[in-house]
Amino acid sequence: MRLTYTHGWKKVLLFMFVVLKQWVGPSSRH
């Protein structure tokens, strides 16, 4: 269970990072 939890938060962090990069990318370009 602990492993799943760790993997879960890691996935969320990666997702947030990707979304932030995608959102900041176009914004900065504009």
PDB file of N, CA and C in Angstrom:
ATOM      1  N   MET A   1       0.841  -1.192   0.000  1.00  0.00           N
ATOM      2  CA  MET A   1       0.000   0.000   0.000  1.00  0.00           C
ATOM      3  C   MET A   1       0.882   1.250   0.000  1.00  0.00           C
ATOM      4  N   ARG A   2       1.944   1.190   0.784  1.00  0.00           N
ATOM      5  CA  ARG A   2       2.837   2.355   0.875  1.00  0.00           C
ATOM      6  C   ARG A   2       3.457   2.633  -0.501  1.00  0.00           C
ATOM      7  N   LEU A   3       3.822   1.583  -1.198  1.00  0.00           N
ATOM      8  CA  LEU A   3       4.453   1.759  -2.505  1.00  0.00           C
ATOM      9  C   LEU A   3       3.481   2.457  -3.462  1.00  0.00           C
ATOM     10  N   THR A   4       2.222   2.028  -3.414  1.00  0.00           N
ATOM     11  CA  THR A   4       1.217   2.629  -4.300  1.00  0.00           C
ATOM     12  C   THR A   4       1.065   4.110  -3.984  1.00  0.00           C
ATOM     13  N   TYR A   5       1.075   4.427  -2.703  1.00  0.00           N
ATOM     14  CA  TYR A   5       0.911   5.825  -2.300  1.00  0.00           C
ATOM     15  C   TYR A   5       2.068   6.666  -2.829  1.00  0.00           C
ATOM     16  N   THR A   6       3.282   6.133  -2.674  1.00  0.00           N
ATOM     17  CA  THR A   6       4.457   6.869  -3.146  1.00  0.00           C
ATOM     18  C   THR A   6       4.376   7.068  -4.660  1.00  0.00           C
ATOM     19  N   HIS A   7       4.008   6.016  -5.371  1.00  0.00           N
ATOM     20  CA  HIS A   7       3.915   6.104  -6.825  1.00  0.00           C
ATOM     21  C   HIS A   7       2.822   7.099  -7.223  1.00  0.00           C
ATOM     22  N   GLY A   8       1.757   7.114  -6.425  1.00  0.00           N
ATOM     23  CA  GLY A   8       0.640   8.021  -6.729  1.00  0.00           C
ATOM     24  C   GLY A   8       1.074   9.478  -6.638  1.00  0.00           C
ATOM     25  N   TRP A   9       1.699   9.830  -5.511  1.00  0.00           N
ATOM     26  CA  TRP A   9       2.100  11.248  -5.354  1.00  0.00           C
ATOM     27  C   TRP A   9       3.166  11.604  -6.385  1.00  0.00           C
ATOM     28  N   LYS A  10       3.983  10.615  -6.752  1.00  0.00           N
ATOM     29  CA  LYS A  10       5.022  10.889  -7.759  1.00  0.00           C
ATOM     30  C   LYS A  10       4.363  11.179  -9.110  1.00  0.00           C
ATOM     31  N   LYS A  11       3.324  10.423  -9.413  1.00  0.00           N
ATOM     32  CA  LYS A  11       2.623  10.619 -10.682  1.00  0.00           C
ATOM     33  C   LYS A  11       1.969  11.999 -10.695  1.00  0.00           C
ATOM     34  N   VAL A  12       1.394  12.377  -9.570  1.00  0.00           N
ATOM     35  CA  VAL A  12       0.718  13.679  -9.473  1.00  0.00           C
ATOM     36  C   VAL A  12       1.732  14.798  -9.661  1.00  0.00           C
ATOM     37  N   LEU A  13       2.908  14.624  -9.052  1.00  0.00           N
ATOM     38  CA  LEU A  13       3.939  15.665  -9.160  1.00  0.00           C
ATOM     39  C   LEU A  13       4.364  15.809 -10.619  1.00  0.00           C
ATOM     40  N   LEU A  14       4.551  14.685 -11.284  1.00  0.00           N
ATOM     41  CA  LEU A  14       4.971  14.721 -12.685  1.00  0.00           C
ATOM     42  C   LEU A  14       3.887  15.381 -13.537  1.00  0.00           C
ATOM     43  N   PHE A  15       2.622  15.014 -13.252  1.00  0.00           N
ATOM     44  CA  PHE A  15       1.508  15.579 -14.010  1.00  0.00           C
ATOM     45  C   PHE A  15       1.448  17.094 -13.821  1.00  0.00           C
ATOM     46  N   MET A  16       1.591  17.520 -12.562  1.00  0.00           N
ATOM     47  CA  MET A  16       1.552  18.963 -12.268  1.00  0.00           C
ATOM     48  C   MET A  16       2.699  19.684 -12.972  1.00  0.00           C
ATOM     49  N   PHE A  17       3.877  19.060 -12.967  1.00  0.00           N
ATOM     50  CA  PHE A  17       5.043  19.667 -13.602  1.00  0.00           C
ATOM     51  C   PHE A  17       4.815  19.829 -15.110  1.00  0.00           C
ATOM     52  N   VAL A  18       4.268  18.784 -15.724  1.00  0.00           N
ATOM     53  CA  VAL A  18       4.015  18.830 -17.172  1.00  0.00           C
ATOM     54  C   VAL A  18       2.978  19.900 -17.492  1.00  0.00           C
ATOM     55  N   VAL A  19       1.916  19.930 -16.697  1.00  0.00           N
ATOM     56  CA  VAL A  19       0.848  20.919 -16.941  1.00  0.00           C
ATOM     57  C   VAL A  19       1.389  22.328 -16.773  1.00  0.00           C
ATOM     58  N   LEU A  20       2.201  22.505 -15.731  1.00  0.00           N
ATOM     59  CA  LEU A  20       2.748  23.844 -15.479  1.00  0.00           C
ATOM     60  C   LEU A  20       3.645  24.254 -16.638  1.00  0.00           C
ATOM     61  N   LYS A  21       4.464  23.320 -17.120  1.00  0.00           N
ATOM     62  CA  LYS A  21       5.379  23.625 -18.219  1.00  0.00           C
ATOM     63  C   LYS A  21       4.581  23.976 -19.479  1.00  0.00           C
ATOM     64  N   GLN A  22       3.508  23.217 -19.718  1.00  0.00           N
ATOM     65  CA  GLN A  22       2.689  23.459 -20.916  1.00  0.00           C
ATOM     66  C   GLN A  22       1.976  24.800 -20.809  1.00  0.00           C
ATOM     67  N   TRP A  23       1.557  25.147 -19.580  1.00  0.00           N
ATOM     68  CA  TRP A  23       0.813  26.394 -19.375  1.00  0.00           C
ATOM     69  C   TRP A  23       1.758  27.600 -19.404  1.00  0.00           C
ATOM     70  N   VAL A  24       2.929  27.427 -18.799  1.00  0.00           N
ATOM     71  CA  VAL A  24       3.900  28.528 -18.760  1.00  0.00           C
ATOM     72  C   VAL A  24       4.574  28.680 -20.127  1.00  0.00           C
ATOM     73  N   GLY A  25       4.750  27.576 -20.834  1.00  0.00           N
ATOM     74  CA  GLY A  25       5.394  27.623 -22.151  1.00  0.00           C
ATOM     75  C   GLY A  25       4.725  28.627 -23.074  1.00  0.00           C
ATOM     76  N   PRO A  26       3.467  28.351 -23.477  1.00  0.00           N
ATOM     77  CA  PRO A  26       2.754  29.261 -24.398  1.00  0.00           C
ATOM     78  C   PRO A  26       2.618  30.667 -23.809  1.00  0.00           C
ATOM     79  N   SER A  27       2.399  30.751 -22.517  1.00  0.00           N
ATOM     80  CA  SER A  27       2.206  32.059 -21.871  1.00  0.00           C
ATOM     81  C   SER A  27       3.469  32.914 -22.041  1.00  0.00           C
ATOM     82  N   SER A  28       4.612  32.292 -21.830  1.00  0.00           N
ATOM     83  CA  SER A  28       5.880  33.039 -21.920  1.00  0.00           C
ATOM     84  C   SER A  28       6.127  33.437 -23.376  1.00  0.00           C
ATOM     85  N   ARG A  29       5.768  32.553 -24.278  1.00  0.00           N
ATOM     86  CA  ARG A  29       5.992  32.824 -25.697  1.00  0.00           C
ATOM     87  C   ARG A  29       5.144  34.029 -26.108  1.00  0.00           C
ATOM     88  N   HIS A  30       3.936  34.063 -25.640  1.00  0.00           N
ATOM     89  CA  HIS A  30       3.033  35.156 -25.997  1.00  0.00           C
ATOM     90  C   HIS A  30       3.568  36.470 -25.414  1.00  0.00           C
TER      91      HIS A  30
END
